[in-house]
PDB file of all heavy atoms in Angstrom:
ATOM      1  N   PHE A   1      -4.924 -11.325  -6.153  1.00  0.00           N
ATOM      2  CA  PHE A   1      -3.960 -10.648  -7.018  1.00  0.00           C
ATOM      3  C   PHE A   1      -3.484  -9.354  -6.375  1.00  0.00           C
ATOM      4  O   PHE A   1      -4.222  -8.683  -5.654  1.00  0.00           O
ATOM      5  CB  PHE A   1      -4.557 -10.369  -8.407  1.00  0.00           C
ATOM      6  CG  PHE A   1      -5.688  -9.380  -8.432  1.00  0.00           C
ATOM      7  CD1 PHE A   1      -5.457  -8.056  -8.780  1.00  0.00           C
ATOM      8  CD2 PHE A   1      -6.982  -9.760  -8.132  1.00  0.00           C
ATOM      9  CE1 PHE A   1      -6.488  -7.134  -8.824  1.00  0.00           C
ATOM     10  CE2 PHE A   1      -8.033  -8.851  -8.177  1.00  0.00           C
ATOM     11  CZ  PHE A   1      -7.782  -7.532  -8.524  1.00  0.00           C
ATOM     12  N   PHE A   2      -2.211  -9.066  -6.626  1.00  0.00           N
ATOM     13  CA  PHE A   2      -1.585  -7.828  -6.190  1.00  0.00           C
ATOM     14  C   PHE A   2      -0.389  -7.593  -7.106  1.00  0.00           C
ATOM     15  O   PHE A   2      -0.120  -8.405  -8.005  1.00  0.00           O
ATOM     16  CB  PHE A   2      -1.174  -7.896  -4.712  1.00  0.00           C
ATOM     17  CG  PHE A   2      -0.662  -9.229  -4.255  1.00  0.00           C
ATOM     18  CD1 PHE A   2       0.671  -9.561  -4.364  1.00  0.00           C
ATOM     19  CD2 PHE A   2      -1.532 -10.175  -3.719  1.00  0.00           C
ATOM     20  CE1 PHE A   2       1.151 -10.791  -3.947  1.00  0.00           C
ATOM     21  CE2 PHE A   2      -1.072 -11.413  -3.293  1.00  0.00           C
ATOM     22  CZ  PHE A   2       0.273 -11.717  -3.409  1.00  0.00           C
ATOM     23  N   ALA A   3       0.311  -6.504  -6.915  1.00  0.00           N
ATOM     24  CA  ALA A   3       1.321  -6.084  -7.887  1.00  0.00           C
ATOM     25  C   ALA A   3       2.637  -6.839  -7.721  1.00  0.00           C
ATOM     26  O   ALA A   3       3.072  -7.121  -6.606  1.00  0.00           O
ATOM     27  CB  ALA A   3       1.574  -4.593  -7.750  1.00  0.00           C
ATOM     28  N   GLU A   4       3.274  -7.121  -8.856  1.00  0.00           N
ATOM     29  CA  GLU A   4       4.662  -7.584  -8.821  1.00  0.00           C
ATOM     30  C   GLU A   4       5.549  -6.375  -8.513  1.00  0.00           C
ATOM     31  O   GLU A   4       5.292  -5.252  -8.977  1.00  0.00           O
ATOM     32  CB  GLU A   4       5.070  -8.218 -10.152  1.00  0.00           C
ATOM     33  CG  GLU A   4       4.546  -9.630 -10.328  1.00  0.00           C
ATOM     34  CD  GLU A   4       5.312 -10.410 -11.400  1.00  0.00           C
ATOM     35  OE1 GLU A   4       6.432  -9.975 -11.774  1.00  0.00           O
ATOM     36  OE2 GLU A   4       4.805 -11.452 -11.840  1.00  0.00           O
ATOM     37  N   LEU A   5       6.603  -6.628  -7.752  1.00  0.00           N
ATOM     38  CA  LEU A   5       7.438  -5.531  -7.257  1.00  0.00           C
ATOM     39  C   LEU A   5       8.082  -4.709  -8.360  1.00  0.00           C
ATOM     40  O   LEU A   5       8.024  -3.481  -8.342  1.00  0.00           O
ATOM     41  CB  LEU A   5       8.517  -6.081  -6.327  1.00  0.00           C
ATOM     42  CG  LEU A   5       8.112  -6.318  -4.877  1.00  0.00           C
ATOM     43  CD1 LEU A   5       9.319  -6.795  -4.078  1.00  0.00           C
ATOM     44  CD2 LEU A   5       7.545  -5.043  -4.265  1.00  0.00           C
ATOM     45  N   ASN A   6       8.733  -5.357  -9.301  1.00  0.00           N
ATOM     46  CA  ASN A   6       9.476  -4.601 -10.306  1.00  0.00           C
ATOM     47  C   ASN A   6       8.557  -3.798 -11.216  1.00  0.00           C
ATOM     48  O   ASN A   6       8.928  -2.718 -11.692  1.00  0.00           O
ATOM     49  CB  ASN A   6      10.363  -5.537 -11.131  1.00  0.00           C
ATOM     50  CG  ASN A   6      11.587  -5.986 -10.344  1.00  0.00           C
ATOM     51  OD1 ASN A   6      11.905  -5.417  -9.297  1.00  0.00           O
ATOM     52  ND2 ASN A   6      12.285  -7.003 -10.832  1.00  0.00           N
ATOM     53  N   PHE A   7       7.369  -4.307 -11.453  1.00  0.00           N
ATOM     54  CA  PHE A   7       6.401  -3.548 -12.232  1.00  0.00           C
ATOM     55  C   PHE A   7       5.985  -2.294 -11.470  1.00  0.00           C
ATOM     56  O   PHE A   7       5.929  -1.199 -12.036  1.00  0.00           O
ATOM     57  CB  PHE A   7       5.175  -4.408 -12.544  1.00  0.00           C
ATOM     58  CG  PHE A   7       4.140  -3.720 -13.386  1.00  0.00           C
ATOM     59  CD1 PHE A   7       4.255  -3.706 -14.771  1.00  0.00           C
ATOM     60  CD2 PHE A   7       3.050  -3.091 -12.807  1.00  0.00           C
ATOM     61  CE1 PHE A   7       3.304  -3.052 -15.556  1.00  0.00           C
ATOM     62  CE2 PHE A   7       2.101  -2.442 -13.578  1.00  0.00           C
ATOM     63  CZ  PHE A   7       2.224  -2.427 -14.961  1.00  0.00           C
ATOM     64  N   PHE A   8       5.714  -2.449 -10.195  1.00  0.00           N
ATOM     65  CA  PHE A   8       5.331  -1.307  -9.368  1.00  0.00           C
ATOM     66  C   PHE A   8       6.453  -0.277  -9.309  1.00  0.00           C
ATOM     67  O   PHE A   8       6.219   0.926  -9.429  1.00  0.00           O
ATOM     68  CB  PHE A   8       4.990  -1.791  -7.960  1.00  0.00           C
ATOM     69  CG  PHE A   8       4.818  -0.686  -6.958  1.00  0.00           C
ATOM     70  CD1 PHE A   8       3.687   0.121  -6.972  1.00  0.00           C
ATOM     71  CD2 PHE A   8       5.792  -0.445  -5.991  1.00  0.00           C
ATOM     72  CE1 PHE A   8       3.532   1.152  -6.055  1.00  0.00           C
ATOM     73  CE2 PHE A   8       5.642   0.577  -5.070  1.00  0.00           C
ATOM     74  CZ  PHE A   8       4.510   1.372  -5.099  1.00  0.00           C
ATOM     75  N   LYS A   9       7.676  -0.738  -9.146  1.00  0.00           N
ATOM     76  CA  LYS A   9       8.804   0.188  -9.044  1.00  0.00           C
ATOM     77  C   LYS A   9       9.051   0.936 -10.349  1.00  0.00           C
ATOM     78  O   LYS A   9       9.458   2.101 -10.342  1.00  0.00           O
ATOM     79  CB  LYS A   9      10.063  -0.580  -8.620  1.00  0.00           C
ATOM     80  CG  LYS A   9      10.001  -1.124  -7.205  1.00  0.00           C
ATOM     81  CD  LYS A   9      11.229  -1.980  -6.891  1.00  0.00           C
ATOM     82  CE  LYS A   9      11.165  -2.537  -5.471  1.00  0.00           C
ATOM     83  NZ  LYS A   9      12.321  -3.416  -5.166  1.00  0.00           N
ATOM     84  N   ALA A  10       8.820   0.282 -11.480  1.00  0.00           N
ATOM     85  CA  ALA A  10       9.057   0.916 -12.779  1.00  0.00           C
ATOM     86  C   ALA A  10       7.911   1.816 -13.212  1.00  0.00           C
ATOM     87  O   ALA A  10       8.063   2.612 -14.146  1.00  0.00           O
ATOM     88  CB  ALA A  10       9.291  -0.159 -13.839  1.00  0.00           C
ATOM     89  N   PHE A  11       6.792   1.724 -12.545  1.00  0.00           N
ATOM     90  CA  PHE A  11       5.607   2.500 -12.902  1.00  0.00           C
ATOM     91  C   PHE A  11       5.886   3.984 -12.657  1.00  0.00           C
ATOM     92  O   PHE A  11       6.258   4.377 -11.561  1.00  0.00           O
ATOM     93  CB  PHE A  11       4.438   2.038 -12.033  1.00  0.00           C
ATOM     94  CG  PHE A  11       3.075   2.364 -12.560  1.00  0.00           C
ATOM     95  CD1 PHE A  11       2.228   1.374 -13.006  1.00  0.00           C
ATOM     96  CD2 PHE A  11       2.619   3.673 -12.583  1.00  0.00           C
ATOM     97  CE1 PHE A  11       0.955   1.655 -13.472  1.00  0.00           C
ATOM     98  CE2 PHE A  11       1.352   3.985 -13.041  1.00  0.00           C
ATOM     99  CZ  PHE A  11       0.516   2.969 -13.504  1.00  0.00           C
ATOM    100  N   PRO A  12       5.708   4.838 -13.648  1.00  0.00           N
ATOM    101  CA  PRO A  12       6.028   6.267 -13.469  1.00  0.00           C
ATOM    102  C   PRO A  12       5.171   6.919 -12.390  1.00  0.00           C
ATOM    103  O   PRO A  12       3.957   6.684 -12.306  1.00  0.00           O
ATOM    104  CB  PRO A  12       5.710   6.873 -14.848  1.00  0.00           C
ATOM    105  CG  PRO A  12       5.720   5.724 -15.791  1.00  0.00           C
ATOM    106  CD  PRO A  12       5.242   4.541 -15.012  1.00  0.00           C
ATOM    107  N   ALA A  13       5.800   7.719 -11.564  1.00  0.00           N
ATOM    108  CA  ALA A  13       5.083   8.428 -10.500  1.00  0.00           C
ATOM    109  C   ALA A  13       4.100   9.424 -11.101  1.00  0.00           C
ATOM    110  O   ALA A  13       4.288   9.915 -12.211  1.00  0.00           O
ATOM    111  CB  ALA A  13       6.085   9.154  -9.603  1.00  0.00           C
ATOM    112  N   GLY A  14       3.051   9.712 -10.346  1.00  0.00           N
ATOM    113  CA  GLY A  14       2.057  10.667 -10.804  1.00  0.00           C
ATOM    114  C   GLY A  14       0.665  10.248 -10.382  1.00  0.00           C
ATOM    115  O   GLY A  14       0.482   9.241  -9.680  1.00  0.00           O
ATOM    116  N   PRO A  15      -0.346  11.000 -10.803  1.00  0.00           N
ATOM    117  CA  PRO A  15      -1.719  10.708 -10.374  1.00  0.00           C
ATOM    118  C   PRO A  15      -2.222   9.338 -10.813  1.00  0.00           C
ATOM    119  O   PRO A  15      -3.057   8.741 -10.127  1.00  0.00           O
ATOM    120  CB  PRO A  15      -2.538  11.841 -11.006  1.00  0.00           C
ATOM    121  CG  PRO A  15      -1.686  12.389 -12.105  1.00  0.00           C
ATOM    122  CD  PRO A  15      -0.281  12.214 -11.635  1.00  0.00           C
ATOM    123  N   ARG A  16      -1.746   8.821 -11.941  1.00  0.00           N
ATOM    124  CA  ARG A  16      -2.176   7.487 -12.373  1.00  0.00           C
ATOM    125  C   ARG A  16      -1.640   6.416 -11.447  1.00  0.00           C
ATOM    126  O   ARG A  16      -2.363   5.482 -11.091  1.00  0.00           O
ATOM    127  CB  ARG A  16      -1.738   7.219 -13.817  1.00  0.00           C
ATOM    128  CG  ARG A  16      -2.189   5.860 -14.340  1.00  0.00           C
ATOM    129  CD  ARG A  16      -1.951   5.719 -15.834  1.00  0.00           C
ATOM    130  NE  ARG A  16      -0.551   5.906 -16.195  1.00  0.00           N
ATOM    131  CZ  ARG A  16      -0.115   5.937 -17.446  1.00  0.00           C
ATOM    132  NH1 ARG A  16      -0.961   5.833 -18.456  1.00  0.00           N
ATOM    133  NH2 ARG A  16       1.174   6.100 -17.704  1.00  0.00           N
ATOM    134  N   LYS A  17      -0.393   6.545 -11.034  1.00  0.00           N
ATOM    135  CA  LYS A  17       0.165   5.566 -10.102  1.00  0.00           C
ATOM    136  C   LYS A  17      -0.539   5.652  -8.759  1.00  0.00           C
ATOM    137  O   LYS A  17      -0.853   4.620  -8.137  1.00  0.00           O
ATOM    138  CB  LYS A  17       1.667   5.794  -9.922  1.00  0.00           C
ATOM    139  CG  LYS A  17       2.346   4.711  -9.086  1.00  0.00           C
ATOM    140  CD  LYS A  17       3.865   4.827  -9.113  1.00  0.00           C
ATOM    141  CE  LYS A  17       4.524   3.617  -8.455  1.00  0.00           C
ATOM    142  NZ  LYS A  17       5.999   3.657  -8.554  1.00  0.00           N
ATOM    143  N   ASP A  18      -0.828   6.858  -8.312  1.00  0.00           N
ATOM    144  CA  ASP A  18      -1.519   7.034  -7.033  1.00  0.00           C
ATOM    145  C   ASP A  18      -2.910   6.409  -7.060  1.00  0.00           C
ATOM    146  O   ASP A  18      -3.370   5.855  -6.056  1.00  0.00           O
ATOM    147  CB  ASP A  18      -1.634   8.522  -6.700  1.00  0.00           C
ATOM    148  CG  ASP A  18      -0.274   9.179  -6.473  1.00  0.00           C
ATOM    149  OD1 ASP A  18       0.687   8.453  -6.172  1.00  0.00           O
ATOM    150  OD2 ASP A  18      -0.196  10.420  -6.612  1.00  0.00           O
ATOM    151  N   ALA A  19      -3.577   6.505  -8.202  1.00  0.00           N
ATOM    152  CA  ALA A  19      -4.927   5.959  -8.319  1.00  0.00           C
ATOM    153  C   ALA A  19      -4.921   4.460  -8.563  1.00  0.00           C
ATOM    154  O   ALA A  19      -5.920   3.778  -8.295  1.00  0.00           O
ATOM    155  CB  ALA A  19      -5.674   6.659  -9.453  1.00  0.00           C
ATOM    156  N   THR A  20      -3.805   3.938  -9.059  1.00  0.00           N
ATOM    157  CA  THR A  20      -3.742   2.519  -9.412  1.00  0.00           C
ATOM    158  C   THR A  20      -3.424   1.640  -8.211  1.00  0.00           C
ATOM    159  O   THR A  20      -4.032   0.571  -8.044  1.00  0.00           O
ATOM    160  CB  THR A  20      -2.674   2.299 -10.504  1.00  0.00           C
ATOM    161  OG1 THR A  20      -3.058   3.012 -11.683  1.00  0.00           O
ATOM    162  CG2 THR A  20      -2.523   0.813 -10.840  1.00  0.00           C
ATOM    163  N   PHE A  21      -2.502   2.083  -7.352  1.00  0.00           N
ATOM    164  CA  PHE A  21      -1.993   1.203  -6.311  1.00  0.00           C
ATOM    165  C   PHE A  21      -2.448   1.597  -4.908  1.00  0.00           C
ATOM    166  O   PHE A  21      -2.532   2.772  -4.565  1.00  0.00           O
ATOM    167  CB  PHE A  21      -0.466   1.169  -6.353  1.00  0.00           C
ATOM    168  CG  PHE A  21       0.081   0.569  -7.617  1.00  0.00           C
ATOM    169  CD1 PHE A  21       0.678   1.384  -8.583  1.00  0.00           C
ATOM    170  CD2 PHE A  21      -0.007  -0.790  -7.858  1.00  0.00           C
ATOM    171  CE1 PHE A  21       1.179   0.845  -9.748  1.00  0.00           C
ATOM    172  CE2 PHE A  21       0.491  -1.341  -9.027  1.00  0.00           C
ATOM    173  CZ  PHE A  21       1.078  -0.524  -9.979  1.00  0.00           C
ATOM    174  N   TRP A  22      -2.677   0.611  -4.105  1.00  0.00           N
ATOM    175  CA  TRP A  22      -3.021   0.737  -2.680  1.00  0.00           C
ATOM    176  C   TRP A  22      -1.749   0.433  -1.908  1.00  0.00           C
ATOM    177  O   TRP A  22      -1.254  -0.693  -1.922  1.00  0.00           O
ATOM    178  CB  TRP A  22      -4.122  -0.262  -2.372  1.00  0.00           C
ATOM    179  CG  TRP A  22      -4.771  -0.154  -1.029  1.00  0.00           C
ATOM    180  CD1 TRP A  22      -4.572   0.784  -0.069  1.00  0.00           C
ATOM    181  CD2 TRP A  22      -5.758  -1.041  -0.508  1.00  0.00           C
ATOM    182  NE1 TRP A  22      -5.368   0.539   1.011  1.00  0.00           N
ATOM    183  CE2 TRP A  22      -6.116  -0.581   0.763  1.00  0.00           C
ATOM    184  CE3 TRP A  22      -6.383  -2.192  -1.012  1.00  0.00           C
ATOM    185  CZ2 TRP A  22      -7.054  -1.237   1.566  1.00  0.00           C
ATOM    186  CZ3 TRP A  22      -7.326  -2.841  -0.229  1.00  0.00           C
ATOM    187  CH2 TRP A  22      -7.657  -2.346   1.058  1.00  0.00           C
ATOM    188  N   THR A  23      -1.212   1.435  -1.231  1.00  0.00           N
ATOM    189  CA  THR A  23       0.095   1.280  -0.584  1.00  0.00           C
ATOM    190  C   THR A  23       0.086   1.542   0.923  1.00  0.00           C
ATOM    191  O   THR A  23       1.051   1.212   1.605  1.00  0.00           O
ATOM    192  CB  THR A  23       1.124   2.231  -1.229  1.00  0.00           C
ATOM    193  OG1 THR A  23       0.668   3.579  -1.089  1.00  0.00           O
ATOM    194  CG2 THR A  23       1.308   1.901  -2.708  1.00  0.00           C
ATOM    195  N   LYS A  24      -0.986   2.152   1.441  1.00  0.00           N
ATOM    196  CA  LYS A  24      -1.099   2.427   2.874  1.00  0.00           C
ATOM    197  C   LYS A  24      -2.338   1.727   3.417  1.00  0.00           C
ATOM    198  O   LYS A  24      -3.430   1.881   2.874  1.00  0.00           O
ATOM    199  CB  LYS A  24      -1.187   3.933   3.136  1.00  0.00           C
ATOM    200  CG  LYS A  24       0.014   4.739   2.637  1.00  0.00           C
ATOM    201  CD  LYS A  24       1.294   4.369   3.401  1.00  0.00           C
ATOM    202  CE  LYS A  24       2.466   5.200   2.918  1.00  0.00           C
ATOM    203  NZ  LYS A  24       3.732   4.832   3.618  1.00  0.00           N
ATOM    204  N   PHE A  25      -2.159   0.972   4.522  1.00  0.00           N
ATOM    205  CA  PHE A  25      -3.222   0.091   5.005  1.00  0.00           C
ATOM    206  C   PHE A  25      -3.544   0.376   6.474  1.00  0.00           C
ATOM    207  O   PHE A  25      -2.737   0.063   7.362  1.00  0.00           O
ATOM    208  CB  PHE A  25      -2.798  -1.371   4.839  1.00  0.00           C
ATOM    209  CG  PHE A  25      -2.502  -1.740   3.412  1.00  0.00           C
ATOM    210  CD1 PHE A  25      -1.234  -1.516   2.871  1.00  0.00           C
ATOM    211  CD2 PHE A  25      -3.485  -2.284   2.607  1.00  0.00           C
ATOM    212  CE1 PHE A  25      -0.963  -1.843   1.552  1.00  0.00           C
ATOM    213  CE2 PHE A  25      -3.227  -2.615   1.289  1.00  0.00           C
ATOM    214  CZ  PHE A  25      -1.967  -2.396   0.751  1.00  0.00           C
ATOM    215  N   PRO A  26      -4.723   0.981   6.756  1.00  0.00           N
ATOM    216  CA  PRO A  26      -5.137   1.171   8.151  1.00  0.00           C
ATOM    217  C   PRO A  26      -5.441  -0.175   8.795  1.00  0.00           C
ATOM    218  O   PRO A  26      -6.204  -0.982   8.247  1.00  0.00           O
ATOM    219  CB  PRO A  26      -6.411   2.020   8.024  1.00  0.00           C
ATOM    220  CG  PRO A  26      -6.390   2.566   6.632  1.00  0.00           C
ATOM    221  CD  PRO A  26      -5.679   1.555   5.810  1.00  0.00           C
ATOM    222  N   ILE A  27      -4.840  -0.431   9.944  1.00  0.00           N
ATOM    223  CA  ILE A  27      -5.044  -1.686  10.670  1.00  0.00           C
ATOM    224  C   ILE A  27      -5.705  -1.379  12.016  1.00  0.00           C
ATOM    225  O   ILE A  27      -5.183  -0.574  12.805  1.00  0.00           O
ATOM    226  CB  ILE A  27      -3.723  -2.434  10.897  1.00  0.00           C
ATOM    227  CG1 ILE A  27      -3.012  -2.673   9.549  1.00  0.00           C
ATOM    228  CG2 ILE A  27      -3.964  -3.741  11.633  1.00  0.00           C
ATOM    229  CD1 ILE A  27      -3.765  -3.559   8.584  1.00  0.00           C
ATOM    230  N   LEU A  28      -6.844  -2.009  12.268  1.00  0.00           N
ATOM    231  CA  LEU A  28      -7.560  -1.810  13.525  1.00  0.00           C
ATOM    232  C   LEU A  28      -6.920  -2.657  14.617  1.00  0.00           C
ATOM    233  O   LEU A  28      -6.856  -3.879  14.513  1.00  0.00           O
ATOM    234  CB  LEU A  28      -9.036  -2.195  13.355  1.00  0.00           C
ATOM    235  CG  LEU A  28      -9.925  -2.038  14.581  1.00  0.00           C
ATOM    236  CD1 LEU A  28     -10.021  -0.564  15.006  1.00  0.00           C
ATOM    237  CD2 LEU A  28     -11.312  -2.618  14.313  1.00  0.00           C
ATOM    238  N   ASN A  29      -6.441  -2.027  15.677  1.00  0.00           N
ATOM    239  CA  ASN A  29      -5.821  -2.734  16.793  1.00  0.00           C
ATOM    240  C   ASN A  29      -6.883  -3.205  17.779  1.00  0.00           C
ATOM    241  O   ASN A  29      -8.026  -2.741  17.777  1.00  0.00           O
ATOM    242  CB  ASN A  29      -4.816  -1.817  17.503  1.00  0.00           C
ATOM    243  CG  ASN A  29      -3.727  -1.340  16.558  1.00  0.00           C
ATOM    244  OD1 ASN A  29      -3.171  -2.119  15.798  1.00  0.00           O
ATOM    245  ND2 ASN A  29      -3.430  -0.041  16.602  1.00  0.00           N
ATOM    246  N   SER A  30      -6.506  -4.123  18.643  1.00  0.00           N
ATOM    247  CA  SER A  30      -7.449  -4.695  19.610  1.00  0.00           C
ATOM    248  C   SER A  30      -7.981  -3.656  20.598  1.00  0.00           C
ATOM    249  O   SER A  30      -9.077  -3.816  21.143  1.00  0.00           O
ATOM    250  CB  SER A  30      -6.778  -5.844  20.376  1.00  0.00           C
ATOM    251  OG  SER A  30      -5.613  -5.385  21.036  1.00  0.00           O
ATOM    252  N   ASN A  31      -7.225  -2.585  20.816  1.00  0.00           N
ATOM    253  CA  ASN A  31      -7.667  -1.546  21.758  1.00  0.00           C
ATOM    254  C   ASN A  31      -8.488  -0.446  21.073  1.00  0.00           C
ATOM    255  O   ASN A  31      -8.818   0.566  21.683  1.00  0.00           O
ATOM    256  CB  ASN A  31      -6.471  -0.922  22.474  1.00  0.00           C
ATOM    257  CG  ASN A  31      -5.508  -0.228  21.509  1.00  0.00           C
ATOM    258  OD1 ASN A  31      -5.750  -0.191  20.311  1.00  0.00           O
ATOM    259  ND2 ASN A  31      -4.419   0.310  22.050  1.00  0.00           N
ATOM    260  N   GLY A  32      -8.804  -0.662  19.789  1.00  0.00           N
ATOM    261  CA  GLY A  32      -9.630   0.296  19.068  1.00  0.00           C
ATOM    262  C   GLY A  32      -8.866   1.367  18.335  1.00  0.00           C
ATOM    263  O   GLY A  32      -9.465   2.145  17.577  1.00  0.00           O
ATOM    264  N   THR A  33      -7.562   1.440  18.535  1.00  0.00           N
ATOM    265  CA  THR A  33      -6.754   2.419  17.800  1.00  0.00           C
ATOM    266  C   THR A  33      -6.450   1.883  16.401  1.00  0.00           C
ATOM    267  O   THR A  33      -6.613   0.694  16.112  1.00  0.00           O
ATOM    268  CB  THR A  33      -5.445   2.717  18.535  1.00  0.00           C
ATOM    269  OG1 THR A  33      -4.681   1.503  18.632  1.00  0.00           O
ATOM    270  CG2 THR A  33      -5.726   3.261  19.928  1.00  0.00           C
ATOM    271  N   VAL A  34      -5.994   2.768  15.533  1.00  0.00           N
ATOM    272  CA  VAL A  34      -5.688   2.394  14.156  1.00  0.00           C
ATOM    273  C   VAL A  34      -4.229   2.691  13.854  1.00  0.00           C
ATOM    274  O   VAL A  34      -3.729   3.777  14.158  1.00  0.00           O
ATOM    275  CB  VAL A  34      -6.595   3.156  13.163  1.00  0.00           C
ATOM    276  CG1 VAL A  34      -6.186   2.854  11.719  1.00  0.00           C
ATOM    277  CG2 VAL A  34      -8.050   2.782  13.384  1.00  0.00           C
ATOM    278  N   THR A  35      -3.545   1.725  13.277  1.00  0.00           N
ATOM    279  CA  THR A  35      -2.157   1.889  12.850  1.00  0.00           C
ATOM    280  C   THR A  35      -2.104   1.839  11.330  1.00  0.00           C
ATOM    281  O   THR A  35      -2.693   0.944  10.714  1.00  0.00           O
ATOM    282  CB  THR A  35      -1.272   0.765  13.423  1.00  0.00           C
ATOM    283  OG1 THR A  35      -1.338   0.783  14.844  1.00  0.00           O
ATOM    284  CG2 THR A  35       0.175   0.939  12.974  1.00  0.00           C
ATOM    285  N   ILE A  36      -1.410   2.791  10.729  1.00  0.00           N
ATOM    286  CA  ILE A  36      -1.248   2.804   9.277  1.00  0.00           C
ATOM    287  C   ILE A  36       0.030   2.045   8.925  1.00  0.00           C
ATOM    288  O   ILE A  36       1.121   2.425   9.354  1.00  0.00           O
ATOM    289  CB  ILE A  36      -1.166   4.240   8.727  1.00  0.00           C
ATOM    290  CG1 ILE A  36      -2.380   5.058   9.183  1.00  0.00           C
ATOM    291  CG2 ILE A  36      -1.075   4.214   7.204  1.00  0.00           C
ATOM    292  CD1 ILE A  36      -3.701   4.546   8.673  1.00  0.00           C
ATOM    293  N   LYS A  37      -0.143   0.974   8.160  1.00  0.00           N
ATOM    294  CA  LYS A  37       1.020   0.184   7.742  1.00  0.00           C
ATOM    295  C   LYS A  37       1.313   0.412   6.268  1.00  0.00           C
ATOM    296  O   LYS A  37       0.403   0.502   5.442  1.00  0.00           O
ATOM    297  CB  LYS A  37       0.767  -1.303   7.992  1.00  0.00           C
ATOM    298  CG  LYS A  37       0.786  -1.692   9.460  1.00  0.00           C
ATOM    299  CD  LYS A  37       0.784  -3.209   9.622  1.00  0.00           C
ATOM    300  CE  LYS A  37       0.914  -3.608  11.075  1.00  0.00           C
ATOM    301  NZ  LYS A  37       0.961  -5.093  11.246  1.00  0.00           N
ATOM    302  N   ASP A  38       2.586   0.487   5.953  1.00  0.00           N
ATOM    303  CA  ASP A  38       3.034   0.567   4.575  1.00  0.00           C
ATOM    304  C   ASP A  38       2.917  -0.817   3.936  1.00  0.00           C
ATOM    305  O   ASP A  38       2.859  -1.843   4.633  1.00  0.00           O
ATOM    306  CB  ASP A  38       4.489   1.043   4.541  1.00  0.00           C
ATOM    307  CG  ASP A  38       4.970   1.291   3.125  1.00  0.00           C
ATOM    308  OD1 ASP A  38       4.522   2.279   2.507  1.00  0.00           O
ATOM    309  OD2 ASP A  38       5.790   0.491   2.627  1.00  0.00           O
ATOM    310  N   TRP A  39       2.898  -0.855   2.599  1.00  0.00           N
ATOM    311  CA  TRP A  39       2.798  -2.145   1.919  1.00  0.00           C
ATOM    312  C   TRP A  39       3.962  -3.071   2.264  1.00  0.00           C
ATOM    313  O   TRP A  39       3.822  -4.299   2.204  1.00  0.00           O
ATOM    314  CB  TRP A  39       2.698  -1.949   0.409  1.00  0.00           C
ATOM    315  CG  TRP A  39       3.868  -1.282  -0.256  1.00  0.00           C
ATOM    316  CD1 TRP A  39       4.026   0.037  -0.527  1.00  0.00           C
ATOM    317  CD2 TRP A  39       5.060  -1.918  -0.765  1.00  0.00           C
ATOM    318  NE1 TRP A  39       5.228   0.292  -1.160  1.00  0.00           N
ATOM    319  CE2 TRP A  39       5.872  -0.900  -1.325  1.00  0.00           C
ATOM    320  CE3 TRP A  39       5.503  -3.236  -0.811  1.00  0.00           C
ATOM    321  CZ2 TRP A  39       7.112  -1.170  -1.908  1.00  0.00           C
ATOM    322  CZ3 TRP A  39       6.739  -3.514  -1.393  1.00  0.00           C
ATOM    323  CH2 TRP A  39       7.536  -2.493  -1.936  1.00  0.00           C
ATOM    324  N   THR A  40       5.089  -2.518   2.646  1.00  0.00           N
ATOM    325  CA  THR A  40       6.238  -3.343   3.011  1.00  0.00           C
ATOM    326  C   THR A  40       6.049  -4.045   4.360  1.00  0.00           C
ATOM    327  O   THR A  40       6.820  -4.938   4.700  1.00  0.00           O
ATOM    328  CB  THR A  40       7.509  -2.485   3.077  1.00  0.00           C
ATOM    329  OG1 THR A  40       7.315  -1.433   4.040  1.00  0.00           O
ATOM    330  CG2 THR A  40       7.824  -1.864   1.724  1.00  0.00           C
ATOM    331  N   GLU A  41       5.008  -3.649   5.102  1.00  0.00           N
ATOM    332  CA  GLU A  41       4.796  -4.183   6.448  1.00  0.00           C
ATOM    333  C   GLU A  41       3.653  -5.193   6.538  1.00  0.00           C
ATOM    334  O   GLU A  41       3.453  -5.797   7.589  1.00  0.00           O
ATOM    335  CB  GLU A  41       4.500  -3.027   7.412  1.00  0.00           C
ATOM    336  CG  GLU A  41       5.612  -1.997   7.497  1.00  0.00           C
ATOM    337  CD  GLU A  41       5.214  -0.801   8.338  1.00  0.00           C
ATOM    338  OE1 GLU A  41       4.367  -0.002   7.891  1.00  0.00           O
ATOM    339  OE2 GLU A  41       5.750  -0.672   9.461  1.00  0.00           O
ATOM    340  N   ILE A  42       2.899  -5.366   5.460  1.00  0.00           N
ATOM    341  CA  ILE A  42       1.801  -6.332   5.514  1.00  0.00           C
ATOM    342  C   ILE A  42       2.301  -7.703   5.072  1.00  0.00           C
ATOM    343  O   ILE A  42       3.439  -7.850   4.609  1.00  0.00           O
ATOM    344  CB  ILE A  42       0.608  -5.880   4.648  1.00  0.00           C
ATOM    345  CG1 ILE A  42       1.019  -5.738   3.173  1.00  0.00           C
ATOM    346  CG2 ILE A  42       0.038  -4.566   5.172  1.00  0.00           C
ATOM    347  CD1 ILE A  42      -0.147  -5.390   2.267  1.00  0.00           C
ATOM    348  N   GLN A  43       1.460  -8.709   5.188  1.00  0.00           N
ATOM    349  CA  GLN A  43       1.905 -10.095   5.019  1.00  0.00           C
ATOM    350  C   GLN A  43       2.550 -10.361   3.662  1.00  0.00           C
ATOM    351  O   GLN A  43       3.621 -10.968   3.580  1.00  0.00           O
ATOM    352  CB  GLN A  43       0.726 -11.052   5.214  1.00  0.00           C
ATOM    353  CG  GLN A  43       1.124 -12.524   5.083  1.00  0.00           C
ATOM    354  CD  GLN A  43      -0.039 -13.458   5.349  1.00  0.00           C
ATOM    355  OE1 GLN A  43      -0.998 -13.096   6.004  1.00  0.00           O
ATOM    356  NE2 GLN A  43       0.041 -14.674   4.825  1.00  0.00           N
TER     357      GLN A  43
END
């Protein structure tokens, strides 16, 4: 399970939205570095 887009977009900004949704995803690269991907960039 994950969020439907329009529900997420309509959700009022603020500390509750920040605590509710996971939007930034650290990705471990093969060379050991980490890339931060936005939710729009994951599968």
